[in-house]
Amino acid sequence: MIGDATLICATTMRNEAWILPRFLECASTWADHVVVVDDSSTDGSAEIAARFPKVRLVEFQRPDEVAPYESDRWRMRIEAARAIDVPGKRVVMTLDTDEMLSADCGPDLQRIAAAEPGTNVAARVANLLPGLSQCWVPPDPCVIGFVDDGSPFTVEKSMHVLRVPSGPTMELAETTLLHYKLFAARRVQARHRYYQVWETESGLRSPLGQYRLYHRGERPERWVEPVREEWLAGYLKAGIDMHGVDDDPAHFDALSVRLIAQRGPATFKRADIWAIDWNRVAEEQGVPLVDPIDDPRGLGTRLAHRWLAATQGSERTLPIRVGERLLRALGW
């Protein structure tokens, strides 16, 4: 505890063995309790979590086994954190398993513990790049926790939602959220392919919207900064390896290839997923195919993808907005 506040780190996992030990090691250095909501993991994640004394493991069965909705899962982790009987204030930090608070978070945790109930907490995000010497830091901070006042967590069912109940926000002065998503480049590319496949199949987002959203970290030169020593020093001193992670795309590519095989390649011709050999993926994952999965894109679609790649990061300019309007008129 810090003062009269109990610090709880709450996360949701589904086959996160690639990063989970590092997440739990880091969180255990500053949290009083670590809530892990297990979303039907099959890769040994639950067994890994059970090895950590501070972890409270909660089972969760998602309503839809295919849809990667965040709202149901994140509601569950807030409810699980609130189920812990604590004296005084309850501070809940809602992190994903590929996110860690920087090791210099101590002073900010003191500030959070002293904040009024109902206060949300935001931090700037450092997307760690391969090599762990540089990071991509977009300008907008991310809300990552709250001082609990019992406010309801009500969000629409969606893939990408706010993490916490609504309330006034305090931005942290020193703490940085270290995000490992881009560090494991092959895995994140596979995850984004799956999101595009599922969103196309469900009609959740247009092909243009998918491209702009899931490629926004691929041209990060505007916001690249060096990784600061103080972000990692405390963890390294504690013997936590902050470098090695498993960069395996198999889990998400297996989900994608099953949907492609079920619906047919033509359904996904405008999704930017055709840089890999899906027939090889199907063979490796044991997914039976009635017909080979061939790239269904014609010349026009290929040119559209090239234009989107060339203009990524410049979409606020007038010529690019005109081009996007034309693509939307063509069904993008």
Foldseek 3Di string as FASTA:
>chain_A
DQPQEAEEEFEEDAQPPLQQVLLLLQCVVPHQAYEYEYAPHDNCSVVSQVVDPRYDYHYDHDPDPQDQWDQVVLLVRVVVQVVDDGGGWYKYFYDYSQKHKFQPCVVVVNVQSPDDAQEWEWEWEWEAAAPRFKTFTDDDIATGIGTHPPDHDDDDTDRDDHNDDDGHYDYGDPIYMYGDLNNLVLQLVLQLLLVLLVCLVVVVDFLLVSLLVSCLPVPRPVGMDTRDCRRCVVVVVVVRDPHDGDNDNLPSLVSNLLSCQVPPQVSRLLHPNPPDQNQVSCVVNVNDHPDGHDRPDDPVSVVVVVVCVVCRPPCVDPVNVVVVVVVVVVPD
